[in-house]
Amino acid sequence: MAGQRSSALLVLAVCVCGLWLLPSAFVQPPATEQPAFRGAAGLSTAVAAAAAVVPLAAQARLPDEFVAFAPIVDVLPILPIFFLLLAFLWQASVGF
């Protein structure tokens, strides 16, 4: 009987300590109004610069030394999908 009573007191003590520490576990909101993140004022400038660069990136060319490898470079982004499909094929052949 004493073992059950001490375990109940232990659970109660842990719950009381948890509730006592609960308010300090959360970060308090700032007292003043601040932007959502640092540098929010320059966000429009960064977006405009990124929009100006995107068309140039789409028209990028390989250096002259590597123009012969252009077909291989065009296929390279698809390779991870082939590895994923190969993993499923392997699992199907093994029997999951």
Protein backbone atom coordinates (compact mmCIF):
# COMPACT_ATOMS: atom_id res chain seq x y z
CA MET A 1 0.00 0.00 0.00
CA ALA A 2 2.85 2.39 0.79
CA GLY A 3 4.38 1.72 -2.66
CA GLN A 4 1.20 2.77 -4.45
CA ARG A 5 0.83 5.86 -2.31
CA SER A 6 4.41 7.01 -2.92
CA SER A 7 4.07 6.51 -6.69
CA ALA A 8 0.85 8.54 -6.67
CA LEU A 9 2.61 11.31 -4.73
CA LEU A 10 5.51 11.16 -7.18
CA VAL A 11 3.16 11.55 -10.15
CA LEU A 12 1.40 14.41 -8.41
CA ALA A 13 4.73 16.12 -7.62
CA VAL A 14 5.89 15.77 -11.24
CA CYS A 15 2.60 17.23 -12.51
CA VAL A 16 2.81 20.18 -10.10
CA CYS A 17 6.42 20.89 -11.12
CA GLY A 18 5.48 20.64 -14.80
CA LEU A 19 2.63 23.09 -14.40
CA TRP A 20 4.85 25.41 -12.39
CA LEU A 21 7.53 25.42 -15.15
CA LEU A 22 5.09 25.58 -18.06
CA PRO A 23 4.86 29.41 -18.35
CA SER A 24 8.63 29.75 -18.57
CA ALA A 25 8.81 27.23 -21.44
CA PHE A 26 7.36 29.64 -24.00
CA VAL A 27 9.02 32.71 -25.49
CA GLN A 28 7.22 35.93 -24.66
CA PRO A 29 6.15 38.14 -27.59
CA PRO A 30 8.20 41.31 -28.13
CA ALA A 31 6.96 44.43 -26.40
CA THR A 32 7.41 46.67 -29.47
CA GLU A 33 6.24 46.27 -33.03
CA GLN A 34 9.04 44.94 -35.22
CA PRO A 35 9.11 43.66 -38.78
CA ALA A 36 8.51 39.94 -39.24
CA PHE A 37 12.20 39.39 -39.92
CA ARG A 38 15.35 41.44 -40.13
CA GLY A 39 15.85 43.09 -43.50
CA ALA A 40 12.15 43.29 -44.32
CA ALA A 41 12.64 46.86 -45.53
CA GLY A 42 14.99 45.75 -48.32
CA LEU A 43 12.78 42.87 -49.39
CA SER A 44 11.31 44.66 -52.38
CA THR A 45 14.81 45.49 -53.64
CA ALA A 46 15.87 41.86 -53.36
CA VAL A 47 12.76 40.64 -55.19
CA ALA A 48 13.31 43.14 -57.99
CA ALA A 49 16.95 42.07 -58.36
CA ALA A 50 15.99 38.39 -58.44
CA ALA A 51 13.32 39.06 -61.07
CA ALA A 52 15.87 40.86 -63.21
CA VAL A 53 18.33 37.93 -63.04
CA VAL A 54 15.87 35.09 -63.75
CA PRO A 55 15.57 35.68 -67.52
CA LEU A 56 19.35 35.74 -67.80
CA ALA A 57 19.65 32.41 -66.00
CA ALA A 58 17.15 30.82 -68.40
CA GLN A 59 19.28 31.87 -71.36
CA ALA A 60 22.60 30.74 -69.86
CA ARG A 61 25.07 29.03 -72.18
CA LEU A 62 27.79 26.52 -71.50
CA PRO A 63 31.37 27.68 -72.03
CA ASP A 64 32.72 26.86 -75.48
CA GLU A 65 34.86 24.01 -74.16
CA PHE A 66 31.75 22.19 -72.89
CA VAL A 67 29.26 22.79 -75.71
CA ALA A 68 29.88 19.22 -76.95
CA PHE A 69 28.48 17.91 -73.62
CA ALA A 70 25.22 19.90 -73.85
CA PRO A 71 23.00 16.83 -74.46
CA ILE A 72 24.39 15.16 -71.33
CA VAL A 73 23.90 18.33 -69.29
CA ASP A 74 20.27 18.48 -70.44
CA VAL A 75 19.63 14.95 -69.12
CA LEU A 76 21.44 15.31 -65.77
CA PRO A 77 18.50 16.81 -63.77
CA ILE A 78 16.37 13.72 -64.55
CA LEU A 79 18.87 11.20 -63.11
CA PRO A 80 17.57 11.26 -59.49
CA ILE A 81 14.12 10.24 -60.76
CA PHE A 82 15.69 7.26 -62.52
CA PHE A 83 17.44 6.23 -59.31
CA LEU A 84 14.13 6.43 -57.44
CA LEU A 85 12.44 4.24 -60.05
CA LEU A 86 15.37 1.83 -59.93
CA ALA A 87 14.92 1.51 -56.16
CA PHE A 88 11.25 0.55 -56.63
CA LEU A 89 12.19 -1.94 -59.35
CA TRP A 90 14.81 -3.48 -57.09
CA GLN A 91 12.35 -3.74 -54.20
CA ALA A 92 9.77 -5.35 -56.48
CA SER A 93 12.28 -7.90 -57.69
CA VAL A 94 13.40 -8.71 -54.13
CA GLY A 95 9.81 -8.98 -52.93
CA PHE A 96 9.63 -6.04 -50.53
